[in-house]
C-alpha cells in the first residue's frame, strides 16, 4: 500500500518552475560541452572522489560514492572514461541499474576546490582485462569497471560548497558529535533481522577497511 504523502502545493510543470525561479543566464545556457576537453581531463586527473547517479528501468534511483587516488578514473579519449569497481559490499546497486538503464550522471570533486565537474552519458559494465589492468593498485586489477560514453560535461558552480562550508575544517563537527555509524548500521539491520550489535558491526567495518580496500 502506498503511503500517504505529506507534501502539498507541489509544482507539476516546468512553466511553474520558471515563473518561480526564472531563466538561467547566458553563460549557464552555453557552458555544457559534449566531450572531455583538456580542462575536463585535467580536472578528472586531479579528482580522488566522485558520486555516480544511476536509475533502474523503473526509475528507482541511486547515488553512490567512488574514491581512490587522484586520477583513479581512466580517460580513454574525449568521449570515453572508465570508473574502476573496487571491492565493496556486493550490493552492486549502480551496476545492476546500468544493466537495465544505461543513463548515468557523475559529479567529480577535488578537495579544497568548490566548483565541481559534472559528466552525463551512457554507461556499461566492462570486463576488458587489458584496460582494467591499467587501473591496478597493489598488484590487484579491478574485475570489472563502469565505462561511460560521455554526452555532456559542464562545471557546476561553488554555491553548494560555500553554503555548506564543506572544505572548511573550522565548520566541521567535533569527533564526539559525529554519528556513531556502527550503532546506526546495527540498528538499521536489526529492524530487518534482529541479532546485530554495534561491536560486531564495528569489527566488520574495520576488517573491511584494513584488509579489503583492493
N, C-alpha and C. Protein backbone atom coordinates (compact mmCIF):
# COMPACT_ATOMS: atom_id res chain seq x y z
N UNK A 1 0.84 -1.19 0.00
CA UNK A 1 0.00 0.00 0.00
C UNK A 1 0.88 1.25 0.00
N UNK A 2 0.60 2.17 -0.90
CA UNK A 2 1.38 3.39 -0.99
C UNK A 2 1.09 4.30 0.20
N UNK A 3 2.17 4.81 0.82
CA UNK A 3 2.00 5.68 1.97
C UNK A 3 1.52 7.06 1.51
N UNK A 4 0.68 7.65 2.32
CA UNK A 4 0.14 8.98 2.01
C UNK A 4 1.27 10.01 2.08
N UNK A 5 1.34 10.86 1.07
CA UNK A 5 2.37 11.89 1.06
C UNK A 5 1.98 13.04 1.98
N UNK A 6 2.98 13.66 2.56
CA UNK A 6 2.77 14.83 3.41
C UNK A 6 3.01 16.12 2.64
N UNK A 7 3.37 16.00 1.36
CA UNK A 7 3.68 17.18 0.57
C UNK A 7 2.41 17.77 -0.04
N UNK A 8 2.31 19.09 0.05
CA UNK A 8 1.16 19.79 -0.50
C UNK A 8 1.64 20.93 -1.40
N UNK A 9 0.78 21.40 -2.27
CA UNK A 9 1.07 22.53 -3.16
C UNK A 9 2.35 22.28 -3.94
N UNK A 10 2.38 21.17 -4.67
CA UNK A 10 3.58 20.79 -5.41
C UNK A 10 3.58 21.42 -6.80
N UNK A 11 4.78 21.63 -7.33
CA UNK A 11 4.96 22.14 -8.69
C UNK A 11 4.90 20.95 -9.64
N UNK A 12 4.16 21.08 -10.72
CA UNK A 12 3.96 19.95 -11.64
C UNK A 12 4.39 20.24 -13.07
N UNK A 13 4.88 21.43 -13.37
CA UNK A 13 5.27 21.75 -14.74
C UNK A 13 6.45 22.70 -14.74
N UNK A 14 7.29 22.61 -15.79
CA UNK A 14 8.46 23.47 -15.88
C UNK A 14 8.06 24.94 -15.93
N UNK A 15 6.92 25.24 -16.57
CA UNK A 15 6.48 26.63 -16.65
C UNK A 15 6.28 27.22 -15.25
N UNK A 16 5.77 26.41 -14.34
CA UNK A 16 5.60 26.88 -12.96
C UNK A 16 6.96 27.16 -12.32
N UNK A 17 7.92 26.25 -12.56
CA UNK A 17 9.26 26.45 -12.01
C UNK A 17 9.87 27.73 -12.54
N UNK A 18 9.74 27.95 -13.85
CA UNK A 18 10.32 29.15 -14.44
C UNK A 18 9.69 30.42 -13.86
N UNK A 19 8.42 30.37 -13.61
CA UNK A 19 7.74 31.53 -13.02
C UNK A 19 8.27 31.81 -11.62
N UNK A 20 8.58 30.74 -10.88
CA UNK A 20 9.07 30.89 -9.52
C UNK A 20 10.56 31.26 -9.46
N UNK A 21 11.36 30.63 -10.32
CA UNK A 21 12.81 30.72 -10.18
C UNK A 21 13.51 31.46 -11.32
N UNK A 22 12.84 31.67 -12.44
CA UNK A 22 13.43 32.43 -13.52
C UNK A 22 14.22 31.59 -14.52
N UNK A 23 14.86 32.27 -15.47
CA UNK A 23 15.62 31.65 -16.53
C UNK A 23 17.12 31.69 -16.21
N UNK A 24 17.89 30.72 -16.71
CA UNK A 24 19.33 30.75 -16.49
C UNK A 24 19.99 31.85 -17.32
N UNK A 25 21.15 32.32 -16.85
CA UNK A 25 21.90 33.31 -17.59
C UNK A 25 22.56 32.68 -18.81
N UNK A 26 23.00 33.52 -19.72
CA UNK A 26 23.53 33.02 -20.99
C UNK A 26 24.74 32.12 -20.80
N UNK A 27 25.62 32.44 -19.85
CA UNK A 27 26.78 31.59 -19.59
C UNK A 27 26.35 30.19 -19.18
N UNK A 28 25.35 30.11 -18.32
CA UNK A 28 24.86 28.81 -17.86
C UNK A 28 24.27 28.02 -19.03
N UNK A 29 23.57 28.71 -19.92
CA UNK A 29 22.99 28.03 -21.08
C UNK A 29 24.06 27.46 -22.00
N UNK A 30 25.19 28.15 -22.09
CA UNK A 30 26.20 27.80 -23.08
C UNK A 30 27.37 26.98 -22.53
N UNK A 31 27.42 26.72 -21.23
CA UNK A 31 28.64 26.13 -20.66
C UNK A 31 28.80 24.64 -20.90
N UNK A 32 27.73 23.92 -21.25
CA UNK A 32 27.82 22.47 -21.44
C UNK A 32 28.50 22.14 -22.77
N UNK A 33 29.41 21.17 -22.73
CA UNK A 33 30.06 20.68 -23.94
C UNK A 33 29.80 19.18 -24.06
N UNK A 34 30.10 18.60 -25.21
CA UNK A 34 29.73 17.21 -25.45
C UNK A 34 30.91 16.25 -25.39
N UNK A 35 32.04 16.71 -24.82
CA UNK A 35 33.23 15.86 -24.78
C UNK A 35 34.13 16.27 -23.63
N UNK A 36 35.14 15.45 -23.38
CA UNK A 36 36.13 15.75 -22.36
C UNK A 36 37.27 16.52 -23.00
N UNK A 37 37.25 17.84 -22.84
CA UNK A 37 38.35 18.63 -23.39
C UNK A 37 39.53 18.59 -22.42
N UNK A 38 40.56 19.38 -22.68
CA UNK A 38 41.76 19.34 -21.84
C UNK A 38 41.47 19.77 -20.41
N UNK A 39 40.51 20.68 -20.22
CA UNK A 39 40.17 21.12 -18.87
C UNK A 39 39.46 20.01 -18.09
N UNK A 40 38.54 19.33 -18.75
CA UNK A 40 37.85 18.21 -18.09
C UNK A 40 38.83 17.09 -17.75
N UNK A 41 39.72 16.79 -18.66
CA UNK A 41 40.72 15.75 -18.42
C UNK A 41 41.61 16.11 -17.22
N UNK A 42 42.03 17.37 -17.17
CA UNK A 42 42.89 17.81 -16.07
C UNK A 42 42.14 17.74 -14.75
N UNK A 43 40.86 18.09 -14.75
CA UNK A 43 40.05 18.02 -13.53
C UNK A 43 39.94 16.58 -13.06
N UNK A 44 39.61 15.67 -13.96
CA UNK A 44 39.45 14.26 -13.60
C UNK A 44 40.77 13.68 -13.11
N UNK A 45 41.88 14.11 -13.70
CA UNK A 45 43.20 13.61 -13.28
C UNK A 45 43.55 14.02 -11.86
N UNK A 46 42.93 15.09 -11.36
CA UNK A 46 43.20 15.57 -10.01
C UNK A 46 42.12 15.14 -9.00
N UNK A 47 41.09 14.49 -9.48
CA UNK A 47 39.96 14.16 -8.61
C UNK A 47 40.12 12.77 -7.97
N UNK A 48 40.03 12.70 -6.61
CA UNK A 48 40.08 11.41 -5.93
C UNK A 48 38.70 10.89 -5.54
N UNK A 49 37.63 11.62 -5.93
CA UNK A 49 36.30 11.27 -5.43
C UNK A 49 35.23 11.69 -6.42
N UNK A 50 34.21 10.83 -6.55
CA UNK A 50 33.07 11.16 -7.40
C UNK A 50 31.80 10.56 -6.80
N UNK A 51 30.69 11.07 -7.27
CA UNK A 51 29.39 10.49 -6.95
C UNK A 51 28.75 10.07 -8.27
N UNK A 52 28.31 8.80 -8.32
CA UNK A 52 27.72 8.23 -9.52
C UNK A 52 26.22 8.06 -9.31
N UNK A 53 25.43 8.69 -10.17
CA UNK A 53 23.97 8.61 -10.08
C UNK A 53 23.45 7.68 -11.18
N UNK A 54 22.60 6.73 -10.78
CA UNK A 54 22.00 5.78 -11.71
C UNK A 54 20.53 5.60 -11.36
N UNK A 55 19.81 4.94 -12.26
CA UNK A 55 18.42 4.57 -12.00
C UNK A 55 18.13 3.29 -12.76
N UNK A 56 17.24 2.46 -12.21
CA UNK A 56 16.90 1.22 -12.91
C UNK A 56 15.80 1.48 -13.93
N UNK A 57 15.32 0.44 -14.59
CA UNK A 57 14.34 0.59 -15.65
C UNK A 57 13.03 1.18 -15.14
N UNK A 58 12.75 0.99 -13.86
CA UNK A 58 11.51 1.52 -13.28
C UNK A 58 11.68 2.93 -12.75
N UNK A 59 12.90 3.47 -12.81
CA UNK A 59 13.14 4.82 -12.33
C UNK A 59 13.58 4.91 -10.89
N UNK A 60 13.80 3.78 -10.22
CA UNK A 60 14.30 3.80 -8.84
C UNK A 60 15.77 4.24 -8.86
N UNK A 61 16.08 5.28 -8.10
CA UNK A 61 17.37 5.97 -8.21
C UNK A 61 18.37 5.54 -7.14
N UNK A 62 19.64 5.78 -7.46
CA UNK A 62 20.71 5.51 -6.52
C UNK A 62 21.84 6.51 -6.79
N UNK A 63 22.48 6.97 -5.74
CA UNK A 63 23.69 7.80 -5.86
C UNK A 63 24.77 7.14 -5.01
N UNK A 64 25.89 6.82 -5.63
CA UNK A 64 26.91 6.02 -4.97
C UNK A 64 28.26 6.72 -5.03
N UNK A 65 28.99 6.80 -3.90
CA UNK A 65 30.33 7.40 -3.92
C UNK A 65 31.37 6.43 -4.44
N UNK A 66 32.37 6.98 -5.10
CA UNK A 66 33.53 6.22 -5.55
C UNK A 66 34.77 7.05 -5.23
N UNK A 67 35.80 6.41 -4.72
CA UNK A 67 37.00 7.16 -4.39
C UNK A 67 38.26 6.33 -4.45
N UNK A 68 39.37 6.98 -4.77
CA UNK A 68 40.68 6.33 -4.81
C UNK A 68 41.72 7.44 -4.99
N UNK A 69 42.91 7.09 -5.35
CA UNK A 69 43.93 8.10 -5.56
C UNK A 69 43.55 9.05 -6.69
N UNK A 70 44.03 10.30 -6.65
CA UNK A 70 43.71 11.25 -7.72
C UNK A 70 43.98 10.65 -9.10
N UNK A 71 43.03 10.82 -10.00
CA UNK A 71 43.17 10.26 -11.33
C UNK A 71 42.80 8.80 -11.43
N UNK A 72 42.09 8.26 -10.44
CA UNK A 72 41.75 6.84 -10.48
C UNK A 72 40.79 6.50 -11.62
N UNK A 73 40.06 7.49 -12.11
CA UNK A 73 39.19 7.28 -13.27
C UNK A 73 40.05 7.39 -14.53
N UNK A 74 39.97 6.37 -15.37
CA UNK A 74 40.80 6.31 -16.57
C UNK A 74 40.06 6.91 -17.75
N UNK A 75 40.66 7.92 -18.37
CA UNK A 75 40.09 8.55 -19.56
C UNK A 75 40.71 7.91 -20.80
N UNK A 76 39.87 7.29 -21.61
CA UNK A 76 40.36 6.64 -22.83
C UNK A 76 40.55 7.64 -23.95
N UNK A 77 39.57 8.52 -24.13
CA UNK A 77 39.64 9.54 -25.17
C UNK A 77 38.63 10.63 -24.82
N UNK A 78 38.33 11.49 -25.76
CA UNK A 78 37.44 12.62 -25.49
C UNK A 78 36.02 12.22 -25.12
N UNK A 79 35.66 10.98 -25.42
CA UNK A 79 34.27 10.57 -25.23
C UNK A 79 34.09 9.36 -24.31
N UNK A 80 35.17 8.80 -23.80
CA UNK A 80 35.04 7.59 -23.01
C UNK A 80 35.92 7.64 -21.75
N UNK A 81 35.33 7.27 -20.63
CA UNK A 81 36.07 7.13 -19.38
C UNK A 81 35.64 5.84 -18.68
N UNK A 82 36.48 5.39 -17.76
CA UNK A 82 36.20 4.14 -17.04
C UNK A 82 36.41 4.36 -15.55
N UNK A 83 35.41 3.97 -14.76
CA UNK A 83 35.47 4.03 -13.31
C UNK A 83 35.75 2.62 -12.81
N UNK A 84 36.90 2.37 -12.16
CA UNK A 84 37.19 1.02 -11.68
C UNK A 84 36.24 0.63 -10.55
N UNK A 85 35.82 -0.60 -10.53
CA UNK A 85 34.96 -1.10 -9.46
C UNK A 85 35.84 -1.81 -8.43
N UNK A 86 36.15 -1.11 -7.35
CA UNK A 86 36.95 -1.69 -6.28
C UNK A 86 36.06 -2.58 -5.39
N UNK A 87 36.66 -3.45 -4.55
CA UNK A 87 35.85 -4.29 -3.67
C UNK A 87 34.92 -3.47 -2.79
N UNK A 88 33.65 -3.89 -2.71
CA UNK A 88 32.66 -3.18 -1.91
C UNK A 88 31.80 -4.15 -1.13
N UNK A 89 30.54 -3.78 -0.95
CA UNK A 89 29.65 -4.61 -0.14
C UNK A 89 28.85 -5.61 -0.97
N UNK A 90 29.11 -5.64 -2.27
CA UNK A 90 28.48 -6.58 -3.21
C UNK A 90 26.99 -6.34 -3.43
N UNK A 91 26.47 -5.20 -3.01
CA UNK A 91 25.09 -4.85 -3.37
C UNK A 91 24.98 -4.57 -4.87
N UNK A 92 26.04 -3.95 -5.41
CA UNK A 92 26.14 -3.67 -6.85
C UNK A 92 24.96 -2.85 -7.36
N UNK A 93 24.48 -1.90 -6.54
CA UNK A 93 23.32 -1.10 -6.94
C UNK A 93 23.55 -0.39 -8.27
N UNK A 94 24.68 0.29 -8.40
CA UNK A 94 24.96 1.06 -9.61
C UNK A 94 25.01 0.16 -10.84
N UNK A 95 25.74 -0.93 -10.74
CA UNK A 95 25.91 -1.80 -11.91
C UNK A 95 24.62 -2.52 -12.27
N UNK A 96 23.86 -2.94 -11.28
CA UNK A 96 22.57 -3.57 -11.58
C UNK A 96 21.64 -2.57 -12.28
N UNK A 97 21.68 -1.32 -11.85
CA UNK A 97 20.88 -0.31 -12.53
C UNK A 97 21.32 -0.12 -13.97
N UNK A 98 22.63 -0.04 -14.18
CA UNK A 98 23.17 0.19 -15.52
C UNK A 98 22.77 -0.93 -16.48
N UNK A 99 22.66 -2.14 -15.98
CA UNK A 99 22.28 -3.26 -16.84
C UNK A 99 20.89 -3.08 -17.44
N UNK A 100 20.02 -2.32 -16.76
CA UNK A 100 18.65 -2.12 -17.27
C UNK A 100 18.40 -0.70 -17.75
N UNK A 101 19.27 0.23 -17.36
CA UNK A 101 19.11 1.64 -17.75
C UNK A 101 20.50 2.27 -17.79
N UNK A 102 21.06 2.48 -18.97
CA UNK A 102 22.45 2.93 -19.06
C UNK A 102 22.69 4.41 -18.75
N UNK A 103 21.64 5.21 -18.54
CA UNK A 103 21.84 6.63 -18.31
C UNK A 103 22.48 6.87 -16.94
N UNK A 104 23.55 7.66 -16.91
CA UNK A 104 24.26 7.94 -15.65
C UNK A 104 24.64 9.41 -15.59
N UNK A 105 24.83 9.88 -14.36
CA UNK A 105 25.38 11.20 -14.11
C UNK A 105 26.51 11.07 -13.11
N UNK A 106 27.58 11.80 -13.31
CA UNK A 106 28.76 11.73 -12.43
C UNK A 106 29.15 13.14 -12.00
N UNK A 107 29.44 13.30 -10.72
CA UNK A 107 29.99 14.56 -10.21
C UNK A 107 31.39 14.28 -9.68
N UNK A 108 32.38 14.95 -10.24
CA UNK A 108 33.77 14.82 -9.79
C UNK A 108 34.10 15.96 -8.83
N UNK A 109 34.78 15.61 -7.73
CA UNK A 109 35.20 16.59 -6.74
C UNK A 109 36.70 16.58 -6.56
N UNK A 110 37.26 17.75 -6.26
CA UNK A 110 38.66 17.88 -5.87
C UNK A 110 38.67 18.55 -4.50
N UNK A 111 39.24 17.93 -3.47
CA UNK A 111 39.25 18.52 -2.13
C UNK A 111 39.81 19.94 -2.14
N UNK A 112 39.08 20.84 -1.50
CA UNK A 112 39.50 22.23 -1.42
C UNK A 112 38.99 23.10 -2.54
N UNK A 113 38.56 22.50 -3.65
CA UNK A 113 38.01 23.25 -4.77
C UNK A 113 36.49 23.21 -4.68
N UNK A 114 35.84 24.35 -4.74
CA UNK A 114 34.40 24.40 -4.51
C UNK A 114 33.59 24.17 -5.78
N UNK A 115 34.17 24.44 -6.95
CA UNK A 115 33.49 24.07 -8.19
C UNK A 115 33.66 22.56 -8.42
N UNK A 116 32.68 21.96 -9.07
CA UNK A 116 32.73 20.54 -9.40
C UNK A 116 32.56 20.36 -10.90
N UNK A 117 32.87 19.15 -11.37
CA UNK A 117 32.69 18.82 -12.79
C UNK A 117 31.60 17.77 -12.90
N UNK A 118 30.59 18.07 -13.72
CA UNK A 118 29.50 17.12 -13.95
C UNK A 118 29.63 16.50 -15.33
N UNK A 119 29.46 15.18 -15.38
CA UNK A 119 29.53 14.43 -16.63
C UNK A 119 28.31 13.54 -16.73
N UNK A 120 27.60 13.63 -17.83
CA UNK A 120 26.43 12.79 -18.08
C UNK A 120 26.65 11.96 -19.33
N UNK A 121 26.07 10.77 -19.36
CA UNK A 121 26.23 9.93 -20.54
C UNK A 121 25.57 8.58 -20.38
N UNK A 122 26.06 7.63 -21.17
CA UNK A 122 25.53 6.27 -21.17
C UNK A 122 26.63 5.33 -20.69
N UNK A 123 26.28 4.40 -19.82
CA UNK A 123 27.28 3.54 -19.19
C UNK A 123 27.05 2.07 -19.54
N UNK A 124 28.10 1.30 -19.33
CA UNK A 124 28.04 -0.16 -19.45
C UNK A 124 29.03 -0.74 -18.45
N UNK A 125 28.88 -2.01 -18.15
CA UNK A 125 29.81 -2.71 -17.27
C UNK A 125 30.80 -3.45 -18.15
N UNK A 126 32.09 -3.16 -17.99
CA UNK A 126 33.10 -3.77 -18.84
C UNK A 126 33.95 -4.75 -18.03
N UNK A 127 34.51 -5.72 -18.74
CA UNK A 127 35.46 -6.66 -18.12
C UNK A 127 36.68 -6.85 -19.01
N UNK A 128 37.05 -5.81 -19.73
CA UNK A 128 38.20 -5.81 -20.62
C UNK A 128 39.48 -5.84 -19.78
N UNK A 129 40.13 -6.99 -19.74
CA UNK A 129 41.29 -7.19 -18.86
C UNK A 129 42.44 -6.24 -19.21
N UNK A 130 42.60 -5.92 -20.49
CA UNK A 130 43.70 -5.04 -20.89
C UNK A 130 43.51 -3.65 -20.32
N UNK A 131 42.30 -3.12 -20.42
CA UNK A 131 42.02 -1.79 -19.89
C UNK A 131 42.06 -1.79 -18.37
N UNK A 132 41.43 -2.78 -17.77
CA UNK A 132 41.34 -2.83 -16.30
C UNK A 132 42.70 -3.01 -15.65
N UNK A 133 43.62 -3.66 -16.35
CA UNK A 133 44.96 -3.86 -15.77
C UNK A 133 45.69 -2.54 -15.59
N UNK A 134 45.31 -1.52 -16.35
CA UNK A 134 45.94 -0.20 -16.22
C UNK A 134 45.52 0.50 -14.93
N UNK A 135 44.48 -0.01 -14.28
CA UNK A 135 43.98 0.61 -13.06
C UNK A 135 44.26 -0.25 -11.83
N UNK A 136 45.25 -1.13 -11.94
CA UNK A 136 45.61 -1.99 -10.81
C UNK A 136 46.24 -1.17 -9.69
N UNK A 137 45.94 -1.57 -8.45
CA UNK A 137 46.54 -0.97 -7.26
C UNK A 137 47.05 -2.12 -6.39
N UNK A 138 48.28 -1.99 -5.92
CA UNK A 138 48.91 -3.05 -5.12
C UNK A 138 48.88 -4.38 -5.87
N UNK A 139 49.03 -4.31 -7.18
CA UNK A 139 49.05 -5.52 -7.99
C UNK A 139 47.69 -6.14 -8.25
N UNK A 140 46.62 -5.47 -7.81
CA UNK A 140 45.28 -6.02 -7.97
C UNK A 140 44.47 -5.16 -8.92
N UNK A 141 44.13 -5.74 -10.06
CA UNK A 141 43.31 -5.04 -11.04
C UNK A 141 41.84 -5.26 -10.72
N UNK A 142 40.99 -4.28 -10.99
CA UNK A 142 39.55 -4.49 -10.78
C UNK A 142 39.03 -5.58 -11.73
N UNK A 143 38.07 -6.34 -11.25
CA UNK A 143 37.47 -7.41 -12.06
C UNK A 143 36.60 -6.82 -13.15
N UNK A 144 35.87 -5.76 -12.81
CA UNK A 144 35.02 -5.06 -13.78
C UNK A 144 35.18 -3.57 -13.57
N UNK A 145 34.68 -2.81 -14.51
CA UNK A 145 34.66 -1.36 -14.40
C UNK A 145 33.39 -0.83 -15.04
N UNK A 146 33.11 0.43 -14.78
CA UNK A 146 31.96 1.09 -15.37
C UNK A 146 32.47 2.02 -16.47
N UNK A 147 32.15 1.68 -17.70
CA UNK A 147 32.53 2.51 -18.83
C UNK A 147 31.44 3.53 -19.12
N UNK A 148 31.83 4.77 -19.32
CA UNK A 148 30.86 5.83 -19.60
C UNK A 148 31.17 6.46 -20.95
N UNK A 149 30.17 6.48 -21.82
CA UNK A 149 30.25 7.19 -23.09
C UNK A 149 29.73 8.60 -22.82
N UNK A 150 30.64 9.56 -22.83
CA UNK A 150 30.33 10.93 -22.42
C UNK A 150 29.43 11.62 -23.46
N UNK A 151 28.38 12.28 -22.96
CA UNK A 151 27.48 13.04 -23.82
C UNK A 151 27.40 14.52 -23.43
N UNK A 152 27.70 14.81 -22.16
CA UNK A 152 27.59 16.19 -21.69
C UNK A 152 28.54 16.41 -20.53
N UNK A 153 29.24 17.54 -20.53
CA UNK A 153 30.14 17.91 -19.44
C UNK A 153 29.95 19.40 -19.14
N UNK A 154 29.98 19.74 -17.86
CA UNK A 154 29.97 21.16 -17.53
C UNK A 154 30.41 21.36 -16.08
N UNK A 155 30.92 22.55 -15.82
CA UNK A 155 31.34 22.93 -14.48
C UNK A 155 30.11 23.37 -13.68
N UNK A 156 30.01 22.86 -12.45
CA UNK A 156 28.93 23.27 -11.56
C UNK A 156 29.49 24.30 -10.58
N UNK A 157 28.74 25.36 -10.37
CA UNK A 157 29.24 26.47 -9.55
C UNK A 157 29.43 26.06 -8.08
N UNK A 158 30.06 26.94 -7.32
CA UNK A 158 30.52 26.62 -5.96
C UNK A 158 29.50 26.93 -4.86
N UNK A 159 28.29 27.36 -5.20
CA UNK A 159 27.37 27.84 -4.18
C UNK A 159 27.07 26.79 -3.10
N UNK A 160 26.87 25.53 -3.50
CA UNK A 160 26.56 24.49 -2.51
C UNK A 160 27.69 24.33 -1.50
N UNK A 161 28.94 24.42 -1.98
CA UNK A 161 30.08 24.26 -1.08
C UNK A 161 30.30 25.50 -0.23
N UNK A 162 30.01 26.64 -0.78
CA UNK A 162 30.14 27.87 0.02
C UNK A 162 29.09 27.89 1.13
N UNK A 163 27.87 27.50 0.80
CA UNK A 163 26.81 27.49 1.82
C UNK A 163 27.09 26.44 2.89
N UNK A 164 27.57 25.28 2.47
CA UNK A 164 27.78 24.18 3.42
C UNK A 164 29.10 24.31 4.18
N UNK A 165 30.04 25.11 3.63
CA UNK A 165 31.39 25.25 4.20
C UNK A 165 32.07 23.88 4.30
N UNK A 166 31.83 23.04 3.30
CA UNK A 166 32.27 21.65 3.36
C UNK A 166 33.78 21.50 3.53
N UNK A 167 34.55 22.35 2.86
CA UNK A 167 36.00 22.21 2.91
C UNK A 167 36.64 23.04 4.02
N UNK A 168 35.86 23.64 4.89
CA UNK A 168 36.42 24.48 5.94
C UNK A 168 36.44 23.72 7.27
N UNK A 169 37.61 23.25 7.71
CA UNK A 169 37.70 22.43 8.92
C UNK A 169 37.07 23.08 10.16
N UNK A 170 37.12 24.42 10.24
CA UNK A 170 36.55 25.09 11.41
C UNK A 170 35.03 24.94 11.47
N UNK A 171 34.42 24.54 10.36
CA UNK A 171 32.96 24.34 10.35
C UNK A 171 32.58 22.89 10.64
N UNK A 172 33.58 21.99 10.73
CA UNK A 172 33.29 20.59 10.95
C UNK A 172 32.88 20.33 12.40
N UNK A 173 32.06 19.32 12.61
CA UNK A 173 31.69 18.90 13.96
C UNK A 173 32.88 18.28 14.68
N UNK A 174 32.92 18.44 15.99
CA UNK A 174 33.90 17.72 16.79
C UNK A 174 33.63 16.23 16.66
N UNK A 175 34.68 15.43 16.75
CA UNK A 175 34.52 13.99 16.51
C UNK A 175 33.50 13.35 17.45
N UNK A 176 33.44 13.82 18.69
CA UNK A 176 32.49 13.23 19.64
C UNK A 176 31.04 13.55 19.29
N UNK A 177 30.83 14.51 18.40
CA UNK A 177 29.47 14.86 18.00
C UNK A 177 29.05 14.23 16.68
N UNK A 178 29.96 13.45 16.07
CA UNK A 178 29.63 12.77 14.83
C UNK A 178 28.72 11.57 15.11
N UNK A 179 27.90 11.16 14.14
CA UNK A 179 27.07 9.96 14.34
C UNK A 179 27.93 8.73 14.58
N UNK A 180 27.48 7.86 15.47
CA UNK A 180 28.16 6.58 15.73
C UNK A 180 27.68 5.59 14.67
N UNK A 181 28.41 5.50 13.58
CA UNK A 181 27.90 4.79 12.42
C UNK A 181 27.75 3.29 12.64
N UNK A 182 28.59 2.69 13.46
CA UNK A 182 28.43 1.26 13.75
C UNK A 182 27.09 1.01 14.44
N UNK A 183 26.72 1.91 15.35
CA UNK A 183 25.43 1.77 16.04
C UNK A 183 24.28 2.01 15.07
N UNK A 184 24.45 2.98 14.20
CA UNK A 184 23.41 3.25 13.20
C UNK A 184 23.18 2.03 12.32
N UNK A 185 24.27 1.44 11.82
CA UNK A 185 24.15 0.27 10.96
C UNK A 185 23.53 -0.91 11.70
N UNK A 186 23.93 -1.11 12.94
CA UNK A 186 23.36 -2.21 13.73
C UNK A 186 21.87 -2.01 13.94
N UNK A 187 21.46 -0.79 14.27
CA UNK A 187 20.04 -0.51 14.50
C UNK A 187 19.23 -0.71 13.22
N UNK A 188 19.78 -0.28 12.10
CA UNK A 188 19.07 -0.45 10.83
C UNK A 188 18.94 -1.93 10.48
N UNK A 189 20.04 -2.68 10.63
CA UNK A 189 19.99 -4.11 10.32
C UNK A 189 19.02 -4.84 11.23
N UNK A 190 18.97 -4.43 12.50
CA UNK A 190 18.09 -5.10 13.45
C UNK A 190 16.61 -4.84 13.17
N UNK A 191 16.30 -3.81 12.40
CA UNK A 191 14.92 -3.57 12.01
C UNK A 191 14.43 -4.65 11.05
N UNK A 192 15.37 -5.31 10.36
CA UNK A 192 15.02 -6.36 9.40
C UNK A 192 15.30 -7.76 9.92
N UNK A 193 16.40 -7.91 10.65
CA UNK A 193 16.77 -9.23 11.18
C UNK A 193 17.53 -9.04 12.48
N UNK A 194 16.85 -9.05 13.61
CA UNK A 194 17.49 -8.79 14.91
C UNK A 194 18.66 -9.72 15.19
N UNK A 195 19.66 -9.20 15.91
CA UNK A 195 20.78 -10.02 16.30
C UNK A 195 22.14 -9.36 16.11
N UNK A 196 22.15 -8.13 15.58
CA UNK A 196 23.42 -7.44 15.35
C UNK A 196 23.75 -6.52 16.51
N UNK A 197 25.03 -6.44 16.86
CA UNK A 197 25.48 -5.49 17.88
C UNK A 197 26.40 -4.47 17.23
N UNK A 198 26.50 -3.31 17.86
CA UNK A 198 27.37 -2.27 17.34
C UNK A 198 28.83 -2.74 17.30
N UNK A 199 29.23 -3.53 18.29
CA UNK A 199 30.62 -4.02 18.31
C UNK A 199 30.88 -4.95 17.14
N UNK A 200 29.93 -5.83 16.84
CA UNK A 200 30.09 -6.72 15.69
C UNK A 200 30.23 -5.93 14.40
N UNK A 201 29.41 -4.92 14.26
CA UNK A 201 29.45 -4.09 13.06
C UNK A 201 30.76 -3.34 12.97
N UNK A 202 31.22 -2.77 14.08
CA UNK A 202 32.48 -2.03 14.10
C UNK A 202 33.64 -2.94 13.69
N UNK A 203 33.67 -4.17 14.21
CA UNK A 203 34.73 -5.11 13.86
C UNK A 203 34.69 -5.47 12.38
N UNK A 204 33.48 -5.65 11.86
CA UNK A 204 33.34 -5.98 10.44
C UNK A 204 33.79 -4.81 9.57
N UNK A 205 33.45 -3.59 9.96
CA UNK A 205 33.86 -2.42 9.20
C UNK A 205 35.38 -2.29 9.20
N UNK A 206 36.00 -2.44 10.35
CA UNK A 206 37.45 -2.30 10.44
C UNK A 206 38.16 -3.36 9.63
N UNK A 207 37.64 -4.58 9.65
CA UNK A 207 38.23 -5.66 8.85
C UNK A 207 38.15 -5.32 7.37
N UNK A 208 37.01 -4.76 6.96
CA UNK A 208 36.83 -4.38 5.56
C UNK A 208 37.75 -3.23 5.17
N UNK A 209 37.86 -2.24 6.04
CA UNK A 209 38.66 -1.05 5.73
C UNK A 209 40.15 -1.35 5.70
N UNK A 210 40.60 -2.30 6.50
CA UNK A 210 42.03 -2.58 6.60
C UNK A 210 42.50 -3.70 5.68
N UNK A 211 41.60 -4.59 5.28
CA UNK A 211 42.02 -5.77 4.53
C UNK A 211 41.40 -5.91 3.14
N UNK A 212 40.36 -5.13 2.85
CA UNK A 212 39.64 -5.37 1.59
C UNK A 212 39.36 -4.07 0.83
N UNK A 213 40.32 -3.14 0.86
CA UNK A 213 40.17 -1.94 0.05
C UNK A 213 40.41 -2.23 -1.42
N UNK A 214 41.29 -3.20 -1.73
CA UNK A 214 41.61 -3.55 -3.12
C UNK A 214 41.54 -5.06 -3.29
